[in-house]
Protein backbone atom coordinates (compact mmCIF):
# COMPACT_ATOMS: atom_id res chain seq x y z
CA UNK A 1 -99.00 13.29 5.31
CA UNK A 2 -96.55 10.43 5.86
CA UNK A 3 -96.91 9.41 2.19
CA UNK A 4 -96.19 12.96 1.05
CA UNK A 5 -93.07 12.98 3.18
CA UNK A 6 -91.90 9.67 1.72
CA UNK A 7 -92.55 10.94 -1.79
CA UNK A 8 -90.58 14.10 -1.11
CA UNK A 9 -87.69 12.11 0.36
CA UNK A 10 -87.69 9.89 -2.72
CA UNK A 11 -87.71 12.95 -4.96
CA UNK A 12 -84.81 14.51 -3.08
CA UNK A 13 -82.81 11.32 -3.22
CA UNK A 14 -83.30 11.00 -6.95
CA UNK A 15 -82.73 14.64 -7.86
CA UNK A 16 -80.64 16.32 -5.23
CA UNK A 17 -78.48 13.83 -3.46
CA UNK A 18 -77.31 11.84 -6.44
CA UNK A 19 -74.48 13.32 -8.39
CA UNK A 20 -74.96 13.28 -12.09
CA UNK A 21 -71.57 12.01 -13.24
CA UNK A 22 -72.65 10.90 -16.67
CA UNK A 23 -70.20 11.02 -19.50
CA UNK A 24 -70.50 10.95 -23.24
CA UNK A 25 -69.88 7.19 -23.53
CA UNK A 26 -73.20 6.34 -21.87
CA UNK A 27 -71.80 5.16 -18.54
CA UNK A 28 -74.27 4.76 -15.71
CA UNK A 29 -74.45 7.85 -13.52
CA UNK A 30 -75.14 7.68 -9.81
CA UNK A 31 -78.63 9.02 -10.61
CA UNK A 32 -79.18 6.13 -13.05
CA UNK A 33 -78.08 3.61 -10.41
CA UNK A 34 -80.25 5.23 -7.73
CA UNK A 35 -83.21 5.02 -10.11
CA UNK A 36 -82.62 1.29 -10.64
CA UNK A 37 -82.15 0.62 -6.93
CA UNK A 38 -85.49 2.28 -6.22
CA UNK A 39 -87.41 0.97 -9.23
CA UNK A 40 -86.47 -2.69 -8.65
CA UNK A 41 -88.40 -2.99 -5.34
CA UNK A 42 -91.16 -0.84 -6.83
CA UNK A 43 -91.54 -3.29 -9.73
CA UNK A 44 -91.28 -6.25 -7.35
CA UNK A 45 -94.29 -4.94 -5.45
CA UNK A 46 -96.27 -4.61 -8.70
CA UNK A 47 -95.50 -8.26 -9.42
CA UNK A 48 -96.55 -9.22 -5.89
CA UNK A 49 -99.83 -7.37 -6.43
CA UNK A 50 -100.29 -9.13 -9.76
CA UNK A 51 -99.71 -12.50 -8.08
CA UNK A 52 -102.52 -11.65 -5.67
CA UNK A 53 -104.82 -11.09 -8.64
CA UNK A 54 -104.20 -14.66 -9.81
CA UNK A 55 -105.26 -15.89 -6.37
CA UNK A 56 -108.11 -13.49 -5.55
CA UNK A 57 -110.14 -12.83 -8.70
CA UNK A 58 -111.63 -14.56 -11.69
CA UNK A 59 -112.21 -11.31 -13.62
CA UNK A 60 -110.59 -11.96 -17.02
CA UNK A 61 -109.82 -8.26 -17.58
CA UNK A 62 -108.02 -7.94 -14.25
CA UNK A 63 -106.18 -11.23 -14.82
CA UNK A 64 -105.06 -10.12 -18.29
CA UNK A 65 -103.82 -6.84 -16.87
CA UNK A 66 -101.95 -8.64 -14.07
CA UNK A 67 -100.28 -10.89 -16.65
CA UNK A 68 -99.36 -7.87 -18.78
CA UNK A 69 -97.83 -6.09 -15.78
CA UNK A 70 -95.81 -9.16 -14.81
CA UNK A 71 -94.70 -9.68 -18.41
CA UNK A 72 -93.43 -6.11 -18.70
CA UNK A 73 -91.86 -5.67 -15.29
CA UNK A 74 -90.01 -8.97 -14.78
CA UNK A 75 -87.63 -8.33 -17.71
CA UNK A 76 -87.22 -4.70 -16.62
CA UNK A 77 -86.14 -5.90 -13.17
CA UNK A 78 -83.60 -8.27 -14.70
CA UNK A 79 -82.28 -5.50 -16.94
CA UNK A 80 -81.81 -3.10 -14.02
CA UNK A 81 -80.17 -5.81 -11.90
CA UNK A 82 -77.60 -6.26 -14.66
CA UNK A 83 -76.44 -2.64 -14.56
CA UNK A 84 -72.99 -2.23 -13.01
CA UNK A 85 -73.03 -0.65 -9.58
CA UNK A 86 -76.62 -1.56 -8.66
CA UNK A 87 -76.83 -2.56 -4.98
CA UNK A 88 -79.75 -4.96 -4.73
CA UNK A 89 -80.18 -4.36 -1.01
CA UNK A 90 -79.80 -0.61 -1.13
CA UNK A 91 -83.44 0.45 -0.99
CA UNK A 92 -85.33 -2.74 -0.25
CA UNK A 93 -88.04 -2.12 2.30
CA UNK A 94 -88.14 1.63 1.71
CA UNK A 95 -91.37 3.14 0.48
CA UNK A 96 -91.08 4.57 -3.01
CA UNK A 97 -93.53 6.80 -4.81
CA UNK A 98 -96.90 5.13 -5.23
CA UNK A 99 -96.04 1.96 -3.34
CA UNK A 100 -98.73 0.38 -1.22
CA UNK A 101 -98.10 0.21 2.49
CA UNK A 102 -98.39 -3.04 4.43
CA UNK A 103 -102.02 -2.35 5.43
CA UNK A 104 -103.02 -1.83 1.80
CA UNK A 105 -101.21 -5.01 0.76
CA UNK A 106 -102.94 -6.94 3.53
CA UNK A 107 -106.31 -5.70 2.30
CA UNK A 108 -105.46 -7.05 -1.15
CA UNK A 109 -104.40 -10.38 0.37
CA UNK A 110 -107.70 -10.92 2.19
CA UNK A 111 -110.15 -9.48 -0.35
CA UNK A 112 -111.66 -11.41 -3.25
CA UNK A 113 -113.98 -10.94 -6.19
CA UNK A 114 -115.27 -7.54 -7.26
CA UNK A 115 -113.99 -5.89 -4.07
CA UNK A 116 -110.51 -7.19 -4.86
CA UNK A 117 -110.79 -5.93 -8.44
CA UNK A 118 -111.58 -2.41 -7.25
CA UNK A 119 -108.79 -2.37 -4.63
CA UNK A 120 -106.30 -3.86 -7.08
CA UNK A 121 -107.10 -1.38 -9.84
CA UNK A 122 -107.09 1.65 -7.52
CA UNK A 123 -103.86 0.51 -5.89
CA UNK A 124 -102.14 -0.27 -9.17
CA UNK A 125 -103.14 3.10 -10.64
CA UNK A 126 -101.47 4.81 -7.67
CA UNK A 127 -98.49 2.46 -8.00
CA UNK A 128 -98.09 3.17 -11.73
CA UNK A 129 -98.41 6.94 -11.18
CA UNK A 130 -95.49 6.70 -8.75
CA UNK A 131 -93.42 4.72 -11.25
CA UNK A 132 -94.10 7.31 -13.94
CA UNK A 133 -93.01 10.10 -11.58
CA UNK A 134 -89.80 8.19 -10.86
CA UNK A 135 -89.15 7.48 -14.55
CA UNK A 136 -89.63 11.14 -15.46
CA UNK A 137 -86.73 11.99 -13.15
CA UNK A 138 -84.29 10.19 -15.45
CA UNK A 139 -85.43 11.90 -18.65
CA UNK A 140 -82.04 13.61 -18.88
CA UNK A 141 -79.99 10.42 -18.55
CA UNK A 142 -77.11 10.31 -21.01
CA UNK A 143 -77.14 6.52 -20.94
CA UNK A 144 -79.28 5.32 -23.87
CA UNK A 145 -80.31 2.11 -22.07
CA UNK A 146 -81.55 4.04 -19.03
CA UNK A 147 -83.32 6.64 -21.16
CA UNK A 148 -85.00 3.91 -23.23
CA UNK A 149 -86.20 2.09 -20.10
CA UNK A 150 -87.55 5.30 -18.57
CA UNK A 151 -89.48 6.10 -21.73
CA UNK A 152 -90.83 2.52 -21.93
CA UNK A 153 -92.02 2.68 -18.31
CA UNK A 154 -93.79 5.99 -18.91
CA UNK A 155 -95.47 4.76 -22.10
CA UNK A 156 -96.53 1.31 -20.92
CA UNK A 157 -97.72 2.37 -17.50
CA UNK A 158 -99.61 5.39 -18.86
CA UNK A 159 -101.43 3.03 -21.20
CA UNK A 160 -102.16 0.60 -18.37
CA UNK A 161 -103.49 3.44 -16.19
CA UNK A 162 -105.94 4.36 -18.95
CA UNK A 163 -107.06 0.73 -19.18
CA UNK A 164 -107.45 0.45 -15.40
CA UNK A 165 -109.47 3.65 -15.22
CA UNK A 166 -111.73 2.31 -17.97
CA UNK A 167 -112.23 -0.91 -15.99
CA UNK A 168 -113.17 1.16 -12.95
CA UNK A 169 -115.57 3.21 -15.04
CA UNK A 170 -113.69 6.45 -14.37
């Protein structure tokens, strides 16, 4: 129930509380900035989870996926950090859609082998689903850079979810 509440709060922040002051020259709206401020820590957690894969498994499929996730999300973080108006401390520590809580992260930290693989894949699927939900909220952005990033997140993470489900045998 707590997770549902956090998801709803995130949704309200992104859709209702942010004014949409976009203009025709592609300036960053407050909704675009809010998206970046929430997606940066979300991506940072995915990288943290990927780092745990390098320490806790030898499964080449999981390791390749972790490297792919890191390779996609590190440049996206840098891009969002470069947007004018982004407050890098604005949402740090807040739970965003799909993020693992501290107990789930601790389980990843202390688990190895096939058990780690399962927890990692299940957790990352949930994490990616949350990122897709967040990215879909900026579909109407007038800023071409923001719209392009949102579309890229949806496409890449949807593909990765399919790969993770295949690895889990789902």
